[in-house]
């Protein structure tokens, strides 16, 4: 059969994707443990590709895409691997585009709501 994860592992993987988002990297290595039907092999689905396709399927679930493929998620992609200094909108003379990014930060507002 085709590779799948147990329900508990599926849940764990989906939760990790939702929480870690685009910073999560998955490594698929080793010998495949599943028998591949010969007709599948003929169309190029062999080896670890089946495992990768399954993980991509889990990534494409609506509950994951609703979190990762938002406008904020798209905006943060270019900044994920860079250390950023904290914004000081009242102390620094920021460009409008920088201030606009600061204003769109949902975490700031959520933390403020928690504090109040």
Protein backbone atom coordinates (compact mmCIF):
# COMPACT_ATOMS: atom_id res chain seq x y z
CA UNK A 1 0.00 0.00 0.00
CA UNK A 2 0.85 3.65 0.04
CA UNK A 3 2.65 5.31 2.95
CA UNK A 4 0.52 6.96 5.60
CA UNK A 5 1.00 8.07 9.18
CA UNK A 6 -1.05 6.92 12.13
CA UNK A 7 -3.79 9.40 13.09
CA UNK A 8 -1.78 10.60 16.10
CA UNK A 9 1.30 11.23 13.94
CA UNK A 10 -0.83 12.98 11.33
CA UNK A 11 -2.22 15.22 14.06
CA UNK A 12 1.29 15.97 15.36
CA UNK A 13 2.61 16.77 11.88
CA UNK A 14 -0.34 19.05 11.07
CA UNK A 15 -0.01 20.87 14.41
CA UNK A 16 3.72 21.38 13.84
CA UNK A 17 3.00 22.78 10.39
CA UNK A 18 0.37 25.13 11.80
CA UNK A 19 2.63 26.37 14.61
CA UNK A 20 6.04 26.43 12.93
CA UNK A 21 4.70 27.34 9.54
CA UNK A 22 7.18 28.06 6.83
CA UNK A 23 10.16 27.55 9.13
CA UNK A 24 9.44 23.81 9.39
CA UNK A 25 11.69 21.64 7.20
CA UNK A 26 11.09 17.93 6.73
CA UNK A 27 13.79 15.50 5.68
CA UNK A 28 12.71 12.24 4.05
CA UNK A 29 15.54 9.74 3.74
CA UNK A 30 16.23 6.03 3.85
CA UNK A 31 15.02 3.07 1.90
CA UNK A 32 11.30 2.93 1.16
CA UNK A 33 9.41 0.43 3.29
CA UNK A 34 6.42 0.08 0.98
CA UNK A 35 6.05 -2.13 -2.05
CA UNK A 36 5.51 -0.06 -5.14
CA UNK A 37 3.17 -1.52 -7.78
CA UNK A 38 4.88 -1.84 -11.14
CA UNK A 39 2.35 0.39 -12.92
CA UNK A 40 3.11 3.16 -10.39
CA UNK A 41 6.83 2.78 -11.02
CA UNK A 42 6.25 3.20 -14.74
CA UNK A 43 4.86 6.72 -14.27
CA UNK A 44 7.78 7.83 -12.10
CA UNK A 45 6.33 7.46 -8.60
CA UNK A 46 9.06 5.54 -6.85
CA UNK A 47 11.30 5.57 -3.83
CA UNK A 48 10.79 8.35 -1.33
CA UNK A 49 8.65 10.40 -3.71
CA UNK A 50 5.55 8.67 -2.36
CA UNK A 51 6.44 9.78 1.18
CA UNK A 52 7.07 13.33 0.01
CA UNK A 53 3.76 13.39 -1.86
CA UNK A 54 1.98 12.25 1.28
CA UNK A 55 3.58 15.00 3.38
CA UNK A 56 2.64 17.55 0.72
CA UNK A 57 -0.91 16.25 0.94
CA UNK A 58 -0.90 16.88 4.70
CA UNK A 59 0.51 20.38 4.09
CA UNK A 60 -2.31 21.10 1.64
CA UNK A 61 -5.05 20.39 4.21
CA UNK A 62 -7.40 23.33 4.62
CA UNK A 63 -6.62 23.75 8.32
CA UNK A 64 -2.94 24.25 7.48
CA UNK A 65 -3.35 26.41 4.38
CA UNK A 66 -5.79 28.71 6.22
CA UNK A 67 -2.95 29.61 8.59
CA UNK A 68 0.12 29.50 6.34
CA UNK A 69 -1.24 31.01 3.14
CA UNK A 70 -2.61 34.21 4.66
CA UNK A 71 -1.42 37.66 3.61
CA UNK A 72 0.68 37.91 6.79
CA UNK A 73 2.21 34.51 6.09
CA UNK A 74 3.15 35.57 2.59
CA UNK A 75 4.67 38.84 3.88
CA UNK A 76 6.88 37.15 6.46
CA UNK A 77 8.43 34.65 4.05
CA UNK A 78 11.26 36.96 2.96
CA UNK A 79 12.23 37.73 6.54
CA UNK A 80 12.30 34.23 8.04
CA UNK A 81 16.05 33.64 7.83
CA UNK A 82 17.15 37.14 8.85
CA UNK A 83 17.66 38.56 12.31
CA UNK A 84 15.55 41.68 12.59
CA UNK A 85 16.06 44.54 15.01
CA UNK A 86 13.02 45.57 16.99
CA UNK A 87 10.91 48.33 15.46
CA UNK A 88 10.68 51.56 17.40
CA UNK A 89 7.95 53.44 15.51
CA UNK A 90 7.78 56.30 18.00
CA UNK A 91 11.53 56.67 18.45
CA UNK A 92 12.76 56.17 14.89
CA UNK A 93 11.88 58.00 11.73
CA UNK A 94 10.47 55.05 9.76
CA UNK A 95 9.49 54.99 6.12
CA UNK A 96 5.77 54.64 5.51
CA UNK A 97 6.14 51.09 4.16
CA UNK A 98 8.03 50.01 7.29
CA UNK A 99 5.44 51.58 9.56
CA UNK A 100 2.71 49.86 7.54
CA UNK A 101 4.36 46.46 8.17
CA UNK A 102 4.55 47.30 11.87
CA UNK A 103 0.85 48.17 11.92
CA UNK A 104 -0.11 44.87 10.25
CA UNK A 105 1.68 42.78 12.91
CA UNK A 106 -1.12 40.68 14.50
CA UNK A 107 1.05 39.46 17.40
CA UNK A 108 1.45 42.97 18.76
CA UNK A 109 -2.31 43.47 19.00
CA UNK A 110 -2.90 40.03 20.48
CA UNK A 111 -0.32 40.63 23.22
CA UNK A 112 -1.88 44.01 23.93
CA UNK A 113 -5.32 42.39 24.30
CA UNK A 114 -3.88 39.80 26.68
CA UNK A 115 -2.24 42.50 28.77
CA UNK A 116 -5.45 44.53 29.07
